Amino acid sequence: MPEPLTVYTLPNCIQCTLTRQALDNAGLHYETVDLVHDQAGADLVTQLGYRSAPVVITDADHWTGFRPDKINAIAAAHAAALTLLSKEENA
C-alpha cells in the first residue's frame, strides 16, 4: 500500500509546481495543502522547522524543496509493493 503524501505549497512557487509535476509523472497520489489558506498546515510546517515551500510529508520522511531523488525513491518503493501484491495474488 502506498504511503500517504502531503505537499504543502505556496502560490507562484516554482519548486512546488515541479514537485507536483514529478509526483504526477510518477503516478503517485498526494494531497495538496495551500499554506496561505491553511493555518494548521502552516503551523505544522513551522513546527518541523521549515521556512520555505514545498514541504513534502510522508509517513516515514519529510523534506523541503524540489527533491526528485526522494520522489523517485517513493515511486520505486510503490512499484515494488505493487509487484509484490501482484505476485501474492497470483500465488
C-alpha atoms as a PDB file:
ATOM      1  CA  MET A   1       0.000   0.000   0.000  1.00  0.00           C
ATOM      2  CA  PRO A   2       1.451   3.390  -0.924  1.00  0.00           C
ATOM      3  CA  GLU A   3       2.311   5.731   1.892  1.00  0.00           C
ATOM      4  CA  PRO A   4       0.252   8.902   2.127  1.00  0.00           C
ATOM      5  CA  LEU A   5       1.889  12.020   0.726  1.00  0.00           C
ATOM      6  CA  THR A   6       1.045  15.601   1.559  1.00  0.00           C
ATOM      7  CA  VAL A   7       2.563  18.539  -0.293  1.00  0.00           C
ATOM      8  CA  TYR A   8       2.422  21.906   1.456  1.00  0.00           C
ATOM      9  CA  THR A   9       2.627  24.657  -1.157  1.00  0.00           C
ATOM     10  CA  LEU A  10       2.584  28.386  -1.772  1.00  0.00           C
ATOM     11  CA  PRO A  11       1.212  30.274  -4.780  1.00  0.00           C
ATOM     12  CA  ASN A  12       3.671  31.118  -7.568  1.00  0.00           C
ATOM     13  CA  CYS A  13       6.220  28.655  -6.173  1.00  0.00           C
ATOM     14  CA  ILE A  14       8.198  27.034  -8.995  1.00  0.00           C
ATOM     15  CA  GLN A  15       9.620  24.297  -6.761  1.00  0.00           C
ATOM     16  CA  CYS A  16       6.067  23.496  -5.632  1.00  0.00           C
ATOM     17  CA  THR A  17       4.957  23.178  -9.252  1.00  0.00           C
ATOM     18  CA  LEU A  18       7.941  20.985 -10.128  1.00  0.00           C
ATOM     19  CA  THR A  19       7.288  18.753  -7.120  1.00  0.00           C
ATOM     20  CA  ARG A  20       3.619  18.261  -8.008  1.00  0.00           C
ATOM     21  CA  GLN A  21       4.532  17.577 -11.658  1.00  0.00           C
ATOM     22  CA  ALA A  22       7.116  14.972 -10.614  1.00  0.00           C
ATOM     23  CA  LEU A  23       4.604  13.274  -8.304  1.00  0.00           C
ATOM     24  CA  ASP A  24       2.000  13.286 -11.090  1.00  0.00           C
ATOM     25  CA  ASN A  25       4.509  11.886 -13.600  1.00  0.00           C
ATOM     26  CA  ALA A  26       5.434   9.148 -11.128  1.00  0.00           C
ATOM     27  CA  GLY A  27       1.759   8.242 -10.732  1.00  0.00           C
ATOM     28  CA  LEU A  28       1.804   8.987  -7.006  1.00  0.00           C
ATOM     29  CA  HIS A  29      -1.307  10.242  -5.248  1.00  0.00           C
ATOM     30  CA  TYR A  30      -0.945  13.140  -2.843  1.00  0.00           C
ATOM     31  CA  GLU A  31      -2.893  15.788  -1.001  1.00  0.00           C
ATOM     32  CA  THR A  32      -2.049  19.448  -1.547  1.00  0.00           C
ATOM     33  CA  VAL A  33      -2.283  21.979   1.275  1.00  0.00           C
ATOM     34  CA  ASP A  34      -2.067  25.685   0.436  1.00  0.00           C
ATOM     35  CA  LEU A  35      -0.075  27.287   3.237  1.00  0.00           C
ATOM     36  CA  VAL A  36      -1.690  30.684   2.604  1.00  0.00           C
ATOM     37  CA  HIS A  37      -5.183  29.350   3.340  1.00  0.00           C
ATOM     38  CA  ASP A  38      -4.482  26.595   5.886  1.00  0.00           C
ATOM     39  CA  GLN A  39      -3.174  27.890   9.205  1.00  0.00           C
ATOM     40  CA  ALA A  40      -2.900  24.390  10.708  1.00  0.00           C
ATOM     41  CA  GLY A  41      -0.718  23.353   7.768  1.00  0.00           C
ATOM     42  CA  ALA A  42       1.426  26.468   8.139  1.00  0.00           C
ATOM     43  CA  ASP A  43       1.813  25.759  11.866  1.00  0.00           C
ATOM     44  CA  LEU A  44       2.863  22.150  11.180  1.00  0.00           C
ATOM     45  CA  VAL A  45       5.456  23.213   8.608  1.00  0.00           C
ATOM     46  CA  THR A  46       6.846  25.776  11.058  1.00  0.00           C
ATOM     47  CA  GLN A  47       6.957  23.205  13.885  1.00  0.00           C
ATOM     48  CA  LEU A  48       9.019  20.943  11.624  1.00  0.00           C
ATOM     49  CA  GLY A  49      11.480  23.822  11.202  1.00  0.00           C
ATOM     50  CA  TYR A  50      10.777  24.652   7.571  1.00  0.00           C
ATOM     51  CA  ARG A  51      10.602  28.208   6.267  1.00  0.00           C
ATOM     52  CA  SER A  52      10.220  27.548   2.533  1.00  0.00           C
ATOM     53  CA  ALA A  53       7.970  25.545   0.260  1.00  0.00           C
ATOM     54  CA  PRO A  54       7.212  22.992  -0.873  1.00  0.00           C
ATOM     55  CA  VAL A  55       7.269  20.763   2.162  1.00  0.00           C
ATOM     56  CA  VAL A  56       6.514  17.115   1.464  1.00  0.00           C
ATOM     57  CA  ILE A  57       5.470  14.851   4.320  1.00  0.00           C
ATOM     58  CA  THR A  58       5.163  11.057   4.160  1.00  0.00           C
ATOM     59  CA  ASP A  59       4.695   8.502   6.933  1.00  0.00           C
ATOM     60  CA  ALA A  60       8.456   7.968   7.161  1.00  0.00           C
ATOM     61  CA  ASP A  61      10.062  11.203   5.976  1.00  0.00           C
ATOM     62  CA  HIS A  62       9.673  14.910   5.300  1.00  0.00           C
ATOM     63  CA  TRP A  63      11.659  17.434   3.322  1.00  0.00           C
ATOM     64  CA  THR A  64      11.545  20.828   1.704  1.00  0.00           C
ATOM     65  CA  GLY A  65      12.289  21.834  -1.869  1.00  0.00           C
ATOM     66  CA  PHE A  66      12.110  20.007  -5.166  1.00  0.00           C
ATOM     67  CA  ARG A  67      13.696  16.601  -4.443  1.00  0.00           C
ATOM     68  CA  PRO A  68      13.393  14.285  -7.458  1.00  0.00           C
ATOM     69  CA  ASP A  69      15.663  11.783  -5.676  1.00  0.00           C
ATOM     70  CA  LYS A  70      13.137  11.403  -2.850  1.00  0.00           C
ATOM     71  CA  ILE A  71      10.191  11.275  -5.263  1.00  0.00           C
ATOM     72  CA  ASN A  72      11.921   8.617  -7.376  1.00  0.00           C
ATOM     73  CA  ALA A  73      12.659   6.544  -4.258  1.00  0.00           C
ATOM     74  CA  ILE A  74       8.999   6.670  -3.200  1.00  0.00           C
ATOM     75  CA  ALA A  75       7.881   5.771  -6.729  1.00  0.00           C
ATOM     76  CA  ALA A  76      10.294   2.807  -6.798  1.00  0.00           C
ATOM     77  CA  ALA A  77       9.067   1.578  -3.408  1.00  0.00           C
ATOM     78  CA  HIS A  78       5.474   1.944  -4.588  1.00  0.00           C
ATOM     79  CA  ALA A  79       6.203  -0.049  -7.765  1.00  0.00           C
ATOM     80  CA  ALA A  80       7.939  -2.771  -5.728  1.00  0.00           C
ATOM     81  CA  ALA A  81       4.967  -3.005  -3.376  1.00  0.00           C
ATOM     82  CA  LEU A  82       2.571  -3.323  -6.318  1.00  0.00           C
ATOM     83  CA  THR A  83       4.731  -6.068  -7.835  1.00  0.00           C
ATOM     84  CA  LEU A  84       4.769  -7.954  -4.545  1.00  0.00           C
ATOM     85  CA  LEU A  85       0.994  -7.650  -4.177  1.00  0.00           C
ATOM     86  CA  SER A  86       0.517  -8.899  -7.716  1.00  0.00           C
ATOM     87  CA  LYS A  87       2.728 -11.930  -7.064  1.00  0.00           C
ATOM     88  CA  GLU A  88       0.857 -12.712  -3.834  1.00  0.00           C
ATOM     89  CA  GLU A  89      -2.488 -12.518  -5.629  1.00  0.00           C
ATOM     90  CA  ASN A  90      -1.286 -14.908  -8.319  1.00  0.00           C
ATOM     91  CA  ALA A  91       0.128 -17.420  -5.830  1.00  0.00           C
END
